[in-house]
Protein backbone atom coordinates (compact mmCIF):
# COMPACT_ATOMS: atom_id res chain seq x y z
CA MET A 1 -0.01 -0.01 -0.02
CA SER A 2 1.36 3.41 -0.97
CA LEU A 3 1.98 5.76 1.99
CA VAL A 4 3.38 8.66 -0.07
CA ALA A 5 3.50 9.19 -3.84
CA LEU A 6 5.42 11.97 -5.59
CA ASN A 7 4.00 12.62 -9.05
CA HIS A 8 6.22 14.67 -11.40
CA VAL A 9 7.26 16.95 -8.58
CA GLY A 10 9.26 20.06 -9.35
CA VAL A 11 10.62 22.57 -6.82
CA THR A 12 12.21 25.95 -7.51
CA LEU A 13 13.92 27.78 -4.63
CA GLY A 14 15.45 31.24 -4.94
CA GLY A 15 14.95 31.12 -8.69
CA ARG A 16 16.93 27.88 -8.97
CA SER A 17 15.42 24.55 -10.00
CA VAL A 18 16.14 22.06 -7.20
CA LEU A 19 13.92 19.14 -8.19
CA THR A 20 12.57 18.34 -11.66
CA ASP A 21 9.96 15.72 -12.60
CA VAL A 22 10.53 13.54 -9.52
CA SER A 23 8.18 10.56 -9.28
CA PHE A 24 8.27 7.59 -6.89
CA GLU A 25 6.17 5.91 -4.18
CA ILE A 26 6.95 4.68 -0.69
CA ASN A 27 5.03 1.58 0.31
CA THR A 28 4.11 0.08 3.65
CA GLY A 29 6.93 -1.88 5.30
CA GLU A 30 9.71 -1.19 2.78
CA ILE A 31 13.09 0.42 3.33
CA VAL A 32 14.00 2.95 0.65
CA THR A 33 17.41 4.63 0.48
CA ILE A 34 18.09 7.90 -1.34
CA VAL A 35 21.64 8.53 -2.64
CA GLY A 36 23.00 11.56 -4.44
CA PRO A 37 25.73 14.18 -4.33
CA ASN A 38 25.64 17.35 -2.25
CA GLY A 39 23.14 19.77 -3.76
CA SER A 40 21.17 17.01 -5.46
CA GLY A 41 17.92 17.98 -3.70
CA LYS A 42 17.76 15.21 -1.11
CA SER A 43 16.91 17.49 1.84
CA THR A 44 14.39 19.45 -0.24
CA MET A 45 12.74 16.19 -1.26
CA LEU A 46 12.37 15.16 2.39
CA ARG A 47 10.81 18.50 3.19
CA VAL A 48 8.36 18.01 0.29
CA ILE A 49 7.35 14.61 1.65
CA ILE A 50 6.89 16.01 5.16
CA GLY A 51 4.87 18.90 3.82
CA ALA A 52 7.23 21.73 4.79
CA VAL A 53 7.97 22.68 1.14
CA PRO A 54 5.10 22.76 -1.40
CA PRO A 55 6.02 21.67 -4.93
CA ASN A 56 5.91 24.26 -7.70
CA SER A 57 4.71 21.59 -10.10
CA GLY A 58 3.37 18.05 -9.82
CA SER A 59 1.72 16.72 -6.68
CA VAL A 60 2.28 14.75 -3.49
CA THR A 61 -0.33 12.19 -2.37
CA ARG A 62 -0.27 10.99 1.25
CA LYS A 63 -2.21 8.25 2.91
CA ALA A 64 -5.03 9.73 5.01
CA GLY A 65 -3.84 10.21 8.59
CA LEU A 66 -0.23 9.42 7.71
CA LYS A 67 2.05 9.65 10.74
CA ILE A 68 5.67 10.49 10.11
CA GLY A 69 8.65 10.07 12.49
CA TYR A 70 11.83 12.01 11.69
CA VAL A 71 15.44 11.50 12.78
CA PRO A 72 17.65 14.42 11.71
CA GLN A 73 21.41 14.41 10.87
CA LYS A 74 22.16 16.19 14.10
CA LEU A 75 20.41 18.11 16.85
CA HIS A 76 22.27 20.64 18.98
CA ILE A 77 21.44 20.78 22.66
CA ASP A 78 23.23 23.29 24.85
CA PRO A 79 25.67 21.16 26.88
CA THR A 80 25.17 23.40 29.91
CA LEU A 81 21.41 22.70 29.96
CA PRO A 82 20.50 19.99 32.45
CA MET A 83 18.15 17.61 30.67
CA THR A 84 17.74 13.91 31.15
CA VAL A 85 16.80 11.55 28.34
CA ARG A 86 13.42 11.01 29.98
CA ARG A 87 12.73 14.75 30.05
CA PHE A 88 13.84 15.09 26.45
CA LEU A 89 11.30 12.51 25.32
CA SER A 90 8.52 14.59 26.84
CA LEU A 91 9.29 17.66 24.72
CA PRO A 92 7.15 19.29 23.47
CA ARG A 93 4.33 17.04 24.70
CA ARG A 94 4.57 14.87 27.79
CA VAL A 95 4.56 11.13 27.29
CA SER A 96 3.91 8.43 29.86
CA ASP A 97 6.77 6.62 31.55
CA ASN A 98 5.55 3.41 29.97
CA ALA A 99 5.63 4.85 26.43
CA ALA A 100 9.07 6.35 27.02
CA ASP A 101 10.46 3.08 28.42
CA MET A 102 9.04 1.08 25.49
CA ALA A 103 10.52 3.44 22.88
CA LEU A 104 13.94 3.46 24.54
CA THR A 105 13.94 -0.33 24.92
CA GLU A 106 12.99 -0.74 21.26
CA THR A 107 16.06 1.24 20.16
CA GLY A 108 18.48 -0.36 22.62
CA ALA A 109 18.61 2.73 24.84
CA GLY A 110 16.57 1.56 27.84
CA HIS A 111 19.52 1.94 30.16
CA LEU A 112 19.90 5.64 29.26
CA HIS A 113 16.57 6.70 30.87
CA ASP A 114 18.15 8.89 33.54
CA ARG A 115 21.32 9.99 31.72
CA GLN A 116 21.96 13.60 30.84
CA MET A 117 21.59 14.30 27.12
CA ALA A 118 24.91 16.19 27.18
CA ASP A 119 26.72 13.06 28.42
CA LEU A 120 25.61 10.74 25.62
CA SER A 121 27.94 9.39 22.96
CA GLY A 122 27.07 9.98 19.29
CA GLY A 123 25.50 6.55 18.91
CA GLN A 124 23.54 6.82 22.13
CA PHE A 125 22.25 10.27 21.13
CA GLN A 126 21.00 8.93 17.77
CA ARG A 127 19.23 6.01 19.44
CA VAL A 128 17.47 8.46 21.72
CA LEU A 129 16.42 10.56 18.71
CA LEU A 130 15.12 7.38 17.10
CA ALA A 131 13.14 6.53 20.26
CA ARG A 132 11.61 10.00 20.22
CA ALA A 133 10.58 9.53 16.58
CA LEU A 134 8.90 6.21 17.45
CA LEU A 135 6.71 7.73 20.18
CA ALA A 136 4.13 8.73 17.54
CA LYS A 137 4.03 5.14 16.23
CA PRO A 138 4.82 6.35 12.70
CA ASP A 139 3.67 4.81 9.46
CA LEU A 140 6.79 6.31 7.82
CA LEU A 141 10.13 6.77 9.54
CA ILE A 142 12.47 9.29 7.82
CA LEU A 143 16.22 9.27 8.56
CA ASP A 144 18.27 12.15 7.16
CA GLU A 145 21.84 10.84 7.27
CA ALA A 146 21.17 9.78 10.85
CA THR A 147 24.55 8.00 11.25
CA GLN A 148 26.69 10.95 10.11
CA GLY A 149 29.65 11.16 12.47
CA LEU A 150 29.36 7.63 13.84
CA ASP A 151 32.12 5.10 13.31
CA GLN A 152 31.42 1.93 11.35
CA PRO A 153 30.48 -0.29 14.28
CA GLY A 154 28.22 2.40 15.69
CA SER A 155 26.58 2.93 12.32
CA ALA A 156 26.05 -0.82 11.81
CA ASP A 157 24.51 -1.11 15.29
CA PHE A 158 22.15 1.79 14.62
CA TYR A 159 20.91 0.24 11.36
CA ASP A 160 20.38 -3.09 13.08
CA HIS A 161 17.91 -1.26 15.31
CA ILE A 162 16.27 0.34 12.26
CA ASP A 163 15.64 -3.11 10.72
CA ARG A 164 14.18 -4.31 14.01
CA VAL A 165 11.91 -1.23 14.17
CA ARG A 166 10.69 -1.87 10.66
CA ARG A 167 9.76 -5.45 11.57
CA ASP A 168 8.20 -4.60 14.97
CA PHE A 169 6.26 -1.48 13.91
CA GLY A 170 5.49 -2.48 10.31
CA CYS A 171 6.46 1.04 9.22
CA ALA A 172 8.18 2.11 6.04
CA VAL A 173 11.64 3.64 6.33
CA LEU A 174 13.02 6.37 4.03
CA MET A 175 16.76 6.93 4.48
CA VAL A 176 19.15 9.48 3.04
CA SER A 177 22.63 7.95 3.27
CA HIS A 178 26.11 8.01 1.82
CA GLU A 179 26.98 4.64 3.32
CA LEU A 180 27.54 1.84 0.84
CA HIS A 181 26.60 -1.00 3.18
CA VAL A 182 23.26 0.68 3.92
CA VAL A 183 22.40 0.94 0.24
CA MET A 184 23.38 -2.65 -0.60
CA ALA A 185 22.41 -4.54 2.54
CA ALA A 186 19.62 -2.66 4.30
CA SER A 187 17.40 -1.41 1.46
CA ASP A 188 14.53 -2.89 -0.47
CA ARG A 189 14.86 -0.11 -3.03
CA VAL A 190 17.47 2.50 -3.94
CA ILE A 191 16.79 5.85 -5.60
CA CYS A 192 19.63 7.88 -7.12
CA LEU A 193 18.78 11.57 -7.09
CA ASN A 194 20.59 14.45 -8.76
CA GLY A 195 17.88 17.06 -9.17
CA HIS A 196 15.77 14.35 -10.82
CA VAL A 197 15.55 10.59 -10.41
CA CYS A 198 18.57 9.15 -12.25
CA CYS A 199 17.94 5.51 -11.42
CA GLN A 200 15.74 3.56 -9.03
CA GLY A 201 14.94 -0.08 -8.32
CA GLU A 202 16.00 -3.04 -6.22
CA PRO A 203 19.65 -2.83 -5.06
CA GLU A 204 20.82 -5.59 -7.39
CA HIS A 205 19.25 -3.89 -10.38
CA VAL A 206 20.59 -0.46 -9.56
CA ALA A 207 24.04 -1.95 -8.87
CA SER A 208 24.25 -3.09 -12.51
CA ALA A 209 23.41 0.36 -13.96
CA PRO A 210 26.14 2.76 -15.15
CA GLU A 211 24.69 5.46 -12.83
CA TYR A 212 25.26 3.31 -9.76
CA ARG A 213 28.75 2.36 -10.89
CA ALA A 214 29.58 6.03 -11.44
CA LEU A 215 28.20 6.75 -8.00
CA PHE A 216 29.94 4.00 -6.00
CA GLY A 217 32.60 2.60 -8.31
CA THR A 218 33.03 -1.05 -9.26
CA GLY A 219 35.31 -2.19 -6.43
CA THR A 220 34.58 -3.65 -3.00
CA HIS A 221 31.08 -3.78 -1.59
CA GLY A 222 32.45 -3.45 1.92
CA ALA A 223 31.11 -0.91 4.40
CA LEU A 224 34.42 0.90 4.59
CA ALA A 225 34.97 1.24 0.85
CA LEU A 226 36.35 4.53 -0.43
CA TYR A 227 34.23 5.68 -3.33
CA ARG A 228 34.03 8.64 -5.65
CA HIS A 229 30.60 10.10 -6.26
CA GLU A 230 30.34 11.16 -9.90
CA HIS A 231 27.46 12.16 -12.09
CA SER A 232 29.22 12.45 -15.41
CA HIS A 233 27.28 9.55 -16.92
CA THR A 234 24.96 9.43 -19.90
CA HIS A 235 21.50 8.21 -18.99
CA ASP A 236 20.60 6.57 -22.29
CA ALA A 237 23.32 3.96 -21.64
CA CYS A 238 21.57 2.61 -18.56
CA ASP A 239 19.24 -0.29 -18.01
CA ASP A 240 15.65 0.68 -19.00
CA GLU A 241 14.40 -1.00 -15.83
CA VAL A 242 16.12 1.50 -13.56
CA CYS A 243 16.54 4.69 -15.61
CA ASP A 244 13.93 7.36 -16.04
CA HIS A 245 15.75 9.97 -18.17
CA ASP A 246 18.30 10.21 -20.99
CA HIS A 247 20.08 13.45 -20.16
CA THR A 248 23.81 13.89 -19.63
CA HIS A 249 24.96 15.52 -16.39
CA ALA A 250 27.99 17.72 -15.96
CA PRO A 251 30.51 16.12 -13.63
CA ALA A 252 30.11 16.59 -9.93
CA HIS A 253 32.94 14.99 -7.98
CA HIS A 254 32.72 14.15 -4.28
CA THR A 255 35.02 11.78 -2.40
CA HIS A 256 33.67 10.06 0.68
CA HIS A 257 34.53 7.24 3.06
CA GLY A 258 31.95 4.73 4.16
CA ASP A 259 31.87 6.62 7.49
CA ARG A 260 32.38 10.34 7.27
CA PRO A 261 33.85 12.39 10.10
């Protein structure tokens, strides 16, 4: 069942076209990962889905009563502000102790109940943010590079919890990520975005397309692979099953590690 459908969505911000003719659906229970270079429109697309940015063209269809949970890249909390994890979970609306305990336990953070937010490690902090997102019992969980800054073991542990959440809650998960192992191992579907949808499909189909190879390279599939993110490909050379356009992009070079600092 479709939770959200983008239909030929276009967005212009500050006189610049950010998204053009973007179409895809997110269905109940699936994990979808968005990949793309900086400036490709990933964050704008998330805001369109949430409803914070209206499209200039096309439309967005949402399931009636759709509940969305959101885990940002980072959240700054003044380190001098005394605030326990339990108190944080009750902002802005108070939740019961039982609901807070269940959400923390679900994300492997049950032991952090009384800890100060300022004292948490990066991985602990992200699990608390995930617990907070689950309090609304979302139909769709959105993760905007939620493991940025975590090391590889911390990132792998976080995504183990995401897979468990998907199974236990039956929710769909939409992730923006630069991490190769997330794309290949944790996703039901991958969408390559660079202002428009370059390629999309099941990971094994996308992996065979020139767009994906330009994005990740043809070497190791390991989580710590060094890869160069290029969009200098020609779309009409790709597999019809995963390509939506036949334009040629100007090169955009970005070098990343599987875990970025």
